[in-house]
Amino acid sequence: GVSCAMGLLGEITTVLITAEQSKTSIRAAEYTASQMEKIG
């Protein structure tokens, strides 16, 4: 998702990050959000 967002800079402004209830899933969501924020 992060690399795809890079390829579509200026086009995508709504990013939906999916997660389930597991600790690993929530951590992955947090990591994805931080990388998206950094790109922006």
PDB file of all heavy atoms in Angstrom:
ATOM      1  N   GLY A   1       0.799  -1.211   0.000  1.00  0.00           N
ATOM      2  CA  GLY A   1       0.000   0.000   0.000  1.00  0.00           C
ATOM      3  C   GLY A   1       0.832   1.261   0.000  1.00  0.00           C
ATOM      4  O   GLY A   1       0.492   2.250  -0.654  1.00  0.00           O
ATOM      5  N   VAL A   2       1.964   1.214   0.716  1.00  0.00           N
ATOM      6  CA  VAL A   2       2.823   2.390   0.808  1.00  0.00           C
ATOM      7  C   VAL A   2       3.457   2.696  -0.547  1.00  0.00           C
ATOM      8  O   VAL A   2       3.460   3.841  -1.001  1.00  0.00           O
ATOM      9  CB  VAL A   2       3.912   2.188   1.882  1.00  0.00           C
ATOM     10  CG1 VAL A   2       4.905   3.341   1.875  1.00  0.00           C
ATOM     11  CG2 VAL A   2       3.274   2.051   3.265  1.00  0.00           C
ATOM     12  N   SER A   3       3.991   1.666  -1.213  1.00  0.00           N
ATOM     13  CA  SER A   3       4.611   1.889  -2.521  1.00  0.00           C
ATOM     14  C   SER A   3       3.571   2.321  -3.549  1.00  0.00           C
ATOM     15  O   SER A   3       3.860   3.146  -4.427  1.00  0.00           O
ATOM     16  CB  SER A   3       5.337   0.622  -2.994  1.00  0.00           C
ATOM     17  OG  SER A   3       4.441  -0.466  -3.086  1.00  0.00           O
ATOM     18  N   CYS A   4       2.362   1.778  -3.445  1.00  0.00           N
ATOM     19  CA  CYS A   4       1.295   2.174  -4.369  1.00  0.00           C
ATOM     20  C   CYS A   4       0.906   3.629  -4.140  1.00  0.00           C
ATOM     21  O   CYS A   4       0.659   4.377  -5.085  1.00  0.00           O
ATOM     22  CB  CYS A   4       0.088   1.260  -4.181  1.00  0.00           C
ATOM     23  SG  CYS A   4      -1.107   1.328  -5.526  1.00  0.00           S
ATOM     24  N   ALA A   5       0.871   4.039  -2.865  1.00  0.00           N
ATOM     25  CA  ALA A   5       0.578   5.441  -2.546  1.00  0.00           C
ATOM     26  C   ALA A   5       1.640   6.354  -3.129  1.00  0.00           C
ATOM     27  O   ALA A   5       1.337   7.445  -3.628  1.00  0.00           O
ATOM     28  CB  ALA A   5       0.478   5.621  -1.036  1.00  0.00           C
ATOM     29  N   MET A   6       2.895   5.919  -3.085  1.00  0.00           N
ATOM     30  CA  MET A   6       3.984   6.704  -3.680  1.00  0.00           C
ATOM     31  C   MET A   6       3.766   6.872  -5.175  1.00  0.00           C
ATOM     32  O   MET A   6       4.001   7.934  -5.740  1.00  0.00           O
ATOM     33  CB  MET A   6       5.326   6.009  -3.422  1.00  0.00           C
ATOM     34  CG  MET A   6       5.874   6.214  -2.028  1.00  0.00           C
ATOM     35  SD  MET A   6       6.438   7.909  -1.749  1.00  0.00           S
ATOM     36  CE  MET A   6       7.832   7.985  -2.878  1.00  0.00           C
ATOM     37  N   GLY A   7       3.308   5.810  -5.831  1.00  0.00           N
ATOM     38  CA  GLY A   7       3.082   5.864  -7.272  1.00  0.00           C
ATOM     39  C   GLY A   7       1.878   6.685  -7.667  1.00  0.00           C
ATOM     40  O   GLY A   7       1.715   7.015  -8.837  1.00  0.00           O
ATOM     41  N   LEU A   8       1.035   7.018  -6.671  1.00  0.00           N
ATOM     42  CA  LEU A   8      -0.182   7.783  -6.959  1.00  0.00           C
ATOM     43  C   LEU A   8      -0.229   9.085  -6.166  1.00  0.00           C
ATOM     44  O   LEU A   8      -1.307   9.592  -5.867  1.00  0.00           O
ATOM     45  CB  LEU A   8      -1.418   6.933  -6.629  1.00  0.00           C
ATOM     46  CG  LEU A   8      -1.679   5.767  -7.588  1.00  0.00           C
ATOM     47  CD1 LEU A   8      -2.674   4.796  -6.991  1.00  0.00           C
ATOM     48  CD2 LEU A   8      -2.173   6.276  -8.932  1.00  0.00           C
ATOM     49  N   LEU A   9       0.932   9.630  -5.847  1.00  0.00           N
ATOM     50  CA  LEU A   9       0.986  10.879  -5.094  1.00  0.00           C
ATOM     51  C   LEU A   9       0.209  11.975  -5.812  1.00  0.00           C
ATOM     52  O   LEU A   9       0.320  12.147  -7.022  1.00  0.00           O
ATOM     53  CB  LEU A   9       2.435  11.324  -4.903  1.00  0.00           C
ATOM     54  CG  LEU A   9       3.187  10.695  -3.736  1.00  0.00           C
ATOM     55  CD1 LEU A   9       4.639  11.133  -3.737  1.00  0.00           C
ATOM     56  CD2 LEU A   9       2.537  11.042  -2.407  1.00  0.00           C
ATOM     57  N   GLY A  10      -0.570  12.692  -5.041  1.00  0.00           N
ATOM     58  CA  GLY A  10      -1.370  13.759  -5.616  1.00  0.00           C
ATOM     59  C   GLY A  10      -2.723  13.309  -6.100  1.00  0.00           C
ATOM     60  O   GLY A  10      -3.583  14.137  -6.416  1.00  0.00           O
ATOM     61  N   GLU A  11      -2.930  11.995  -6.179  1.00  0.00           N
ATOM     62  CA  GLU A  11      -4.209  11.440  -6.625  1.00  0.00           C
ATOM     63  C   GLU A  11      -5.016  10.901  -5.448  1.00  0.00           C
ATOM     64  O   GLU A  11      -6.228  11.089  -5.378  1.00  0.00           O
ATOM     65  CB  GLU A  11      -3.979  10.312  -7.640  1.00  0.00           C
ATOM     66  CG  GLU A  11      -3.230  10.728  -8.890  1.00  0.00           C
ATOM     67  CD  GLU A  11      -4.055  11.616  -9.814  1.00  0.00           C
ATOM     68  OE1 GLU A  11      -5.269  11.749  -9.594  1.00  0.00           O
ATOM     69  OE2 GLU A  11      -3.469  12.174 -10.760  1.00  0.00           O
ATOM     70  N   ILE A  12      -4.338  10.210  -4.530  1.00  0.00           N
ATOM     71  CA  ILE A  12      -5.010   9.561  -3.412  1.00  0.00           C
ATOM     72  C   ILE A  12      -4.930  10.439  -2.167  1.00  0.00           C
ATOM     73  O   ILE A  12      -3.846  10.826  -1.735  1.00  0.00           O
ATOM     74  CB  ILE A  12      -4.357   8.199  -3.091  1.00  0.00           C
ATOM     75  CG1 ILE A  12      -4.432   7.282  -4.309  1.00  0.00           C
ATOM     76  CG2 ILE A  12      -5.020   7.559  -1.878  1.00  0.00           C
ATOM     77  CD1 ILE A  12      -5.822   6.939  -4.752  1.00  0.00           C
ATOM     78  N   THR A  13      -6.078  10.764  -1.606  1.00  0.00           N
ATOM     79  CA  THR A  13      -6.074  11.486  -0.335  1.00  0.00           C
ATOM     80  C   THR A  13      -6.853  10.746   0.746  1.00  0.00           C
ATOM     81  O   THR A  13      -6.863  11.171   1.897  1.00  0.00           O
ATOM     82  CB  THR A  13      -6.689  12.899  -0.492  1.00  0.00           C
ATOM     83  OG1 THR A  13      -8.002  12.785  -1.000  1.00  0.00           O
ATOM     84  CG2 THR A  13      -5.834  13.755  -1.403  1.00  0.00           C
ATOM     85  N   THR A  14      -7.521   9.666   0.374  1.00  0.00           N
ATOM     86  CA  THR A  14      -8.232   8.864   1.364  1.00  0.00           C
ATOM     87  C   THR A  14      -7.600   7.484   1.421  1.00  0.00           C
ATOM     88  O   THR A  14      -7.634   6.743   0.437  1.00  0.00           O
ATOM     89  CB  THR A  14      -9.725   8.731   1.019  1.00  0.00           C
ATOM     90  OG1 THR A  14     -10.305  10.029   0.932  1.00  0.00           O
ATOM     91  CG2 THR A  14     -10.452   7.923   2.079  1.00  0.00           C
ATOM     92  N   VAL A  15      -6.992   7.180   2.553  1.00  0.00           N
ATOM     93  CA  VAL A  15      -6.372   5.877   2.760  1.00  0.00           C
ATOM     94  C   VAL A  15      -7.131   5.165   3.867  1.00  0.00           C
ATOM     95  O   VAL A  15      -7.239   5.674   4.978  1.00  0.00           O
ATOM     96  CB  VAL A  15      -4.886   6.009   3.146  1.00  0.00           C
ATOM     97  CG1 VAL A  15      -4.275   4.634   3.408  1.00  0.00           C
ATOM     98  CG2 VAL A  15      -4.110   6.740   2.063  1.00  0.00           C
ATOM     99  N   LEU A  16      -7.664   3.996   3.555  1.00  0.00           N
ATOM    100  CA  LEU A  16      -8.347   3.178   4.547  1.00  0.00           C
ATOM    101  C   LEU A  16      -7.424   2.039   4.950  1.00  0.00           C
ATOM    102  O   LEU A  16      -7.031   1.221   4.108  1.00  0.00           O
ATOM    103  CB  LEU A  16      -9.651   2.629   3.980  1.00  0.00           C
ATOM    104  CG  LEU A  16     -10.695   3.664   3.555  1.00  0.00           C
ATOM    105  CD1 LEU A  16     -11.940   2.964   3.020  1.00  0.00           C
ATOM    106  CD2 LEU A  16     -11.058   4.594   4.703  1.00  0.00           C
ATOM    107  N   ILE A  17      -7.060   2.003   6.214  1.00  0.00           N
ATOM    108  CA  ILE A  17      -6.155   0.973   6.718  1.00  0.00           C
ATOM    109  C   ILE A  17      -6.980  -0.053   7.478  1.00  0.00           C
ATOM    110  O   ILE A  17      -7.662   0.275   8.449  1.00  0.00           O
ATOM    111  CB  ILE A  17      -5.076   1.589   7.624  1.00  0.00           C
ATOM    112  CG1 ILE A  17      -4.239   2.594   6.811  1.00  0.00           C
ATOM    113  CG2 ILE A  17      -4.184   0.504   8.214  1.00  0.00           C
ATOM    114  CD1 ILE A  17      -3.190   3.317   7.614  1.00  0.00           C
ATOM    115  N   THR A  18      -6.930  -1.293   7.023  1.00  0.00           N
ATOM    116  CA  THR A  18      -7.727  -2.351   7.636  1.00  0.00           C
ATOM    117  C   THR A  18      -6.934  -3.061   8.721  1.00  0.00           C
ATOM    118  O   THR A  18      -5.715  -3.227   8.619  1.00  0.00           O
ATOM    119  CB  THR A  18      -8.188  -3.379   6.594  1.00  0.00           C
ATOM    120  OG1 THR A  18      -7.044  -3.983   5.971  1.00  0.00           O
ATOM    121  CG2 THR A  18      -9.041  -2.710   5.521  1.00  0.00           C
ATOM    122  N   ALA A  19      -7.653  -3.488   9.758  1.00  0.00           N
ATOM    123  CA  ALA A  19      -7.023  -4.232  10.852  1.00  0.00           C
ATOM    124  C   ALA A  19      -8.048  -5.115  11.526  1.00  0.00           C
ATOM    125  O   ALA A  19      -9.240  -4.782  11.576  1.00  0.00           O
ATOM    126  CB  ALA A  19      -6.403  -3.275  11.866  1.00  0.00           C
ATOM    127  N   GLU A  20      -7.583  -6.249  12.030  1.00  0.00           N
ATOM    128  CA  GLU A  20      -8.411  -7.104  12.870  1.00  0.00           C
ATOM    129  C   GLU A  20      -7.986  -6.915  14.323  1.00  0.00           C
ATOM    130  O   GLU A  20      -7.177  -6.037  14.627  1.00  0.00           O
ATOM    131  CB  GLU A  20      -8.294  -8.556  12.407  1.00  0.00           C
ATOM    132  CG  GLU A  20      -8.849  -8.749  10.991  1.00  0.00           C
ATOM    133  CD  GLU A  20      -8.829 -10.189  10.526  1.00  0.00           C
ATOM    134  OE1 GLU A  20      -8.224 -11.042  11.232  1.00  0.00           O
ATOM    135  OE2 GLU A  20      -9.410 -10.480   9.462  1.00  0.00           O
ATOM    136  N   GLN A  21      -8.487  -7.737  15.222  1.00  0.00           N
ATOM    137  CA  GLN A  21      -8.287  -7.493  16.650  1.00  0.00           C
ATOM    138  C   GLN A  21      -6.975  -8.020  17.210  1.00  0.00           C
ATOM    139  O   GLN A  21      -6.683  -7.785  18.376  1.00  0.00           O
ATOM    140  CB  GLN A  21      -9.460  -8.103  17.435  1.00  0.00           C
ATOM    141  CG  GLN A  21     -10.761  -7.343  17.288  1.00  0.00           C
ATOM    142  CD  GLN A  21     -11.949  -8.174  17.693  1.00  0.00           C
ATOM    143  OE1 GLN A  21     -12.322  -9.107  16.997  1.00  0.00           O
ATOM    144  NE2 GLN A  21     -12.557  -7.841  18.823  1.00  0.00           N
ATOM    145  N   SER A  22      -6.181  -8.715  16.420  1.00  0.00           N
ATOM    146  CA  SER A  22      -4.929  -9.263  16.924  1.00  0.00           C
ATOM    147  C   SER A  22      -3.899  -8.159  17.141  1.00  0.00           C
ATOM    148  O   SER A  22      -3.931  -7.109  16.482  1.00  0.00           O
ATOM    149  CB  SER A  22      -4.365 -10.296  15.949  1.00  0.00           C
ATOM    150  OG  SER A  22      -3.937  -9.666  14.754  1.00  0.00           O
ATOM    151  N   LYS A  23      -2.970  -8.390  18.056  1.00  0.00           N
ATOM    152  CA  LYS A  23      -1.927  -7.415  18.346  1.00  0.00           C
ATOM    153  C   LYS A  23      -1.049  -7.157  17.129  1.00  0.00           C
ATOM    154  O   LYS A  23      -0.651  -6.014  16.866  1.00  0.00           O
ATOM    155  CB  LYS A  23      -1.075  -7.901  19.520  1.00  0.00           C
ATOM    156  CG  LYS A  23      -1.814  -7.954  20.851  1.00  0.00           C
ATOM    157  CD  LYS A  23      -0.900  -8.443  21.961  1.00  0.00           C
ATOM    158  CE  LYS A  23      -1.645  -8.490  23.296  1.00  0.00           C
ATOM    159  NZ  LYS A  23      -0.780  -9.004  24.391  1.00  0.00           N
ATOM    160  N   THR A  24      -0.753  -8.219  16.369  1.00  0.00           N
ATOM    161  CA  THR A  24       0.095  -8.046  15.187  1.00  0.00           C
ATOM    162  C   THR A  24      -0.612  -7.219  14.121  1.00  0.00           C
ATOM    163  O   THR A  24       0.018  -6.418  13.423  1.00  0.00           O
ATOM    164  CB  THR A  24       0.482  -9.414  14.596  1.00  0.00           C
ATOM    165  OG1 THR A  24      -0.709 -10.180  14.323  1.00  0.00           O
ATOM    166  CG2 THR A  24       1.355 -10.186  15.569  1.00  0.00           C
ATOM    167  N   SER A  25      -1.920  -7.401  13.993  1.00  0.00           N
ATOM    168  CA  SER A  25      -2.689  -6.644  13.006  1.00  0.00           C
ATOM    169  C   SER A  25      -2.748  -5.167  13.379  1.00  0.00           C
ATOM    170  O   SER A  25      -2.596  -4.290  12.521  1.00  0.00           O
ATOM    171  CB  SER A  25      -4.100  -7.223  12.893  1.00  0.00           C
ATOM    172  OG  SER A  25      -4.875  -6.488  11.963  1.00  0.00           O
ATOM    173  N   ILE A  26      -2.970  -4.895  14.650  1.00  0.00           N
ATOM    174  CA  ILE A  26      -3.031  -3.503  15.107  1.00  0.00           C
ATOM    175  C   ILE A  26      -1.675  -2.834  14.942  1.00  0.00           C
ATOM    176  O   ILE A  26      -1.584  -1.682  14.520  1.00  0.00           O
ATOM    177  CB  ILE A  26      -3.499  -3.439  16.572  1.00  0.00           C
ATOM    178  CG1 ILE A  26      -4.908  -4.020  16.707  1.00  0.00           C
ATOM    179  CG2 ILE A  26      -3.485  -2.002  17.079  1.00  0.00           C
ATOM    180  CD1 ILE A  26      -5.358  -4.206  18.135  1.00  0.00           C
ATOM    181  N   ARG A  27      -0.603  -3.571  15.251  1.00  0.00           N
ATOM    182  CA  ARG A  27       0.743  -3.014  15.071  1.00  0.00           C
ATOM    183  C   ARG A  27       1.011  -2.722  13.595  1.00  0.00           C
ATOM    184  O   ARG A  27       1.609  -1.693  13.251  1.00  0.00           O
ATOM    185  CB  ARG A  27       1.793  -3.980  15.609  1.00  0.00           C
ATOM    186  CG  ARG A  27       3.224  -3.497  15.401  1.00  0.00           C
ATOM    187  CD  ARG A  27       4.224  -4.424  16.029  1.00  0.00           C
ATOM    188  NE  ARG A  27       4.173  -4.360  17.486  1.00  0.00           N
ATOM    189  CZ  ARG A  27       4.950  -5.093  18.296  1.00  0.00           C
ATOM    190  NH1 ARG A  27       5.811  -5.950  17.764  1.00  0.00           N
ATOM    191  NH2 ARG A  27       4.843  -4.967  19.594  1.00  0.00           N
ATOM    192  N   ALA A  28       0.555  -3.611  12.710  1.00  0.00           N
ATOM    193  CA  ALA A  28       0.737  -3.391  11.276  1.00  0.00           C
ATOM    194  C   ALA A  28      -0.015  -2.147  10.817  1.00  0.00           C
ATOM    195  O   ALA A  28       0.470  -1.385   9.972  1.00  0.00           O
ATOM    196  CB  ALA A  28       0.260  -4.616  10.496  1.00  0.00           C
ATOM    197  N   ALA A  29      -1.203  -1.931  11.383  1.00  0.00           N
ATOM    198  CA  ALA A  29      -1.981  -0.740  11.032  1.00  0.00           C
ATOM    199  C   ALA A  29      -1.251   0.521  11.479  1.00  0.00           C
ATOM    200  O   ALA A  29      -1.189   1.515  10.745  1.00  0.00           O
ATOM    201  CB  ALA A  29      -3.360  -0.804  11.684  1.00  0.00           C
ATOM    202  N   GLU A  30      -0.693   0.476  12.675  1.00  0.00           N
ATOM    203  CA  GLU A  30       0.053   1.633  13.190  1.00  0.00           C
ATOM    204  C   GLU A  30       1.269   1.925  12.314  1.00  0.00           C
ATOM    205  O   GLU A  30       1.559   3.080  11.979  1.00  0.00           O
ATOM    206  CB  GLU A  30       0.493   1.365  14.625  1.00  0.00           C
ATOM    207  CG  GLU A  30       1.208   2.525  15.283  1.00  0.00           C
ATOM    208  CD  GLU A  30       1.590   2.229  16.720  1.00  0.00           C
ATOM    209  OE1 GLU A  30       1.450   1.074  17.160  1.00  0.00           O
ATOM    210  OE2 GLU A  30       2.049   3.164  17.394  1.00  0.00           O
ATOM    211  N   TYR A  31       1.976   0.864  11.919  1.00  0.00           N
ATOM    212  CA  TYR A  31       3.156   1.033  11.065  1.00  0.00           C
ATOM    213  C   TYR A  31       2.755   1.609   9.701  1.00  0.00           C
ATOM    214  O   TYR A  31       3.399   2.549   9.197  1.00  0.00           O
ATOM    215  CB  TYR A  31       3.851  -0.314  10.866  1.00  0.00           C
ATOM    216  CG  TYR A  31       4.961  -0.269   9.844  1.00  0.00           C
ATOM    217  CD1 TYR A  31       6.208   0.272  10.166  1.00  0.00           C
ATOM    218  CD2 TYR A  31       4.755  -0.744   8.548  1.00  0.00           C
ATOM    219  CE1 TYR A  31       7.224   0.325   9.217  1.00  0.00           C
ATOM    220  CE2 TYR A  31       5.770  -0.688   7.603  1.00  0.00           C
ATOM    221  CZ  TYR A  31       6.991  -0.149   7.944  1.00  0.00           C
ATOM    222  OH  TYR A  31       7.995  -0.085   7.001  1.00  0.00           O
ATOM    223  N   THR A  32       1.700   1.069   9.112  1.00  0.00           N
ATOM    224  CA  THR A  32       1.237   1.559   7.810  1.00  0.00           C
ATOM    225  C   THR A  32       0.870   3.030   7.885  1.00  0.00           C
ATOM    226  O   THR A  32       1.223   3.831   7.012  1.00  0.00           O
ATOM    227  CB  THR A  32       0.032   0.747   7.324  1.00  0.00           C
ATOM    228  OG1 THR A  32       0.360  -0.644   7.316  1.00  0.00           O
ATOM    229  CG2 THR A  32      -0.380   1.172   5.922  1.00  0.00           C
ATOM    230  N   ALA A  33       0.161   3.396   8.955  1.00  0.00           N
ATOM    231  CA  ALA A  33      -0.248   4.793   9.128  1.00  0.00           C
ATOM    232  C   ALA A  33       0.963   5.716   9.242  1.00  0.00           C
ATOM    233  O   ALA A  33       0.980   6.803   8.658  1.00  0.00           O
ATOM    234  CB  ALA A  33      -1.133   4.927  10.361  1.00  0.00           C
ATOM    235  N   SER A  34       1.983   5.282   9.972  1.00  0.00           N
ATOM    236  CA  SER A  34       3.173   6.126  10.138  1.00  0.00           C
ATOM    237  C   SER A  34       3.912   6.302   8.819  1.00  0.00           C
ATOM    238  O   SER A  34       4.413   7.397   8.522  1.00  0.00           O
ATOM    239  CB  SER A  34       4.111   5.516  11.192  1.00  0.00           C
ATOM    240  OG  SER A  34       4.655   4.286  10.749  1.00  0.00           O
ATOM    241  N   GLN A  35       3.971   5.235   8.008  1.00  0.00           N
ATOM    242  CA  GLN A  35       4.638   5.333   6.710  1.00  0.00           C
ATOM    243  C   GLN A  35       3.862   6.222   5.746  1.00  0.00           C
ATOM    244  O   GLN A  35       4.449   7.012   4.992  1.00  0.00           O
ATOM    245  CB  GLN A  35       4.816   3.929   6.116  1.00  0.00           C
ATOM    246  CG  GLN A  35       5.775   3.047   6.881  1.00  0.00           C
ATOM    247  CD  GLN A  35       7.163   3.630   6.960  1.00  0.00           C
ATOM    248  OE1 GLN A  35       7.804   3.878   5.934  1.00  0.00           O
ATOM    249  NE2 GLN A  35       7.654   3.884   8.158  1.00  0.00           N
ATOM    250  N   MET A  36       2.537   6.109   5.754  1.00  0.00           N
ATOM    251  CA  MET A  36       1.701   6.968   4.912  1.00  0.00           C
ATOM    252  C   MET A  36       1.858   8.428   5.312  1.00  0.00           C
ATOM    253  O   MET A  36       1.951   9.327   4.453  1.00  0.00           O
ATOM    254  CB  MET A  36       0.240   6.551   5.019  1.00  0.00           C
ATOM    255  CG  MET A  36      -0.090   5.219   4.400  1.00  0.00           C
ATOM    256  SD  MET A  36      -0.023   5.272   2.586  1.00  0.00           S
ATOM    257  CE  MET A  36      -0.548   3.579   2.222  1.00  0.00           C
ATOM    258  N   GLU A  37       1.884   8.665   6.616  1.00  0.00           N
ATOM    259  CA  GLU A  37       2.041  10.041   7.101  1.00  0.00           C
ATOM    260  C   GLU A  37       3.390  10.605   6.675  1.00  0.00           C
ATOM    261  O   GLU A  37       3.494  11.770   6.265  1.00  0.00           O
ATOM    262  CB  GLU A  37       1.912  10.066   8.620  1.00  0.00           C
ATOM    263  CG  GLU A  37       1.985  11.470   9.207  1.00  0.00           C
ATOM    264  CD  GLU A  37       1.795  11.479  10.713  1.00  0.00           C
ATOM    265  OE1 GLU A  37       1.898  10.406  11.340  1.00  0.00           O
ATOM    266  OE2 GLU A  37       1.565  12.573  11.261  1.00  0.00           O
ATOM    267  N   LYS A  38       4.416   9.781   6.747  1.00  0.00           N
ATOM    268  CA  LYS A  38       5.768  10.205   6.340  1.00  0.00           C
ATOM    269  C   LYS A  38       5.802  10.578   4.859  1.00  0.00           C
ATOM    270  O   LYS A  38       6.364  11.620   4.478  1.00  0.00           O
ATOM    271  CB  LYS A  38       6.760   9.071   6.624  1.00  0.00           C
ATOM    272  CG  LYS A  38       8.195   9.413   6.272  1.00  0.00           C
ATOM    273  CD  LYS A  38       9.115   8.238   6.587  1.00  0.00           C
ATOM    274  CE  LYS A  38      10.560   8.546   6.202  1.00  0.00           C
ATOM    275  NZ  LYS A  38      11.453   7.385   6.483  1.00  0.00           N
ATOM    276  N   ILE A  39       5.171   9.753   4.028  1.00  0.00           N
ATOM    277  CA  ILE A  39       5.116  10.037   2.594  1.00  0.00           C
ATOM    278  C   ILE A  39       4.423  11.373   2.349  1.00  0.00           C
ATOM    279  O   ILE A  39       4.880  12.206   1.563  1.00  0.00           O
ATOM    280  CB  ILE A  39       4.366   8.913   1.849  1.00  0.00           C
ATOM    281  CG1 ILE A  39       5.184   7.636   1.824  1.00  0.00           C
ATOM    282  CG2 ILE A  39       4.027   9.347   0.419  1.00  0.00           C
ATOM    283  CD1 ILE A  39       4.419   6.442   1.270  1.00  0.00           C
ATOM    284  N   GLY A  40       3.295  11.567   3.030  1.00  0.00           N
ATOM    285  CA  GLY A  40       2.543  12.798   2.839  1.00  0.00           C
ATOM    286  C   GLY A  40       3.325  14.027   3.237  1.00  0.00           C
ATOM    287  O   GLY A  40       3.336  15.037   2.518  1.00  0.00           O
TER     288      GLY A  40
END
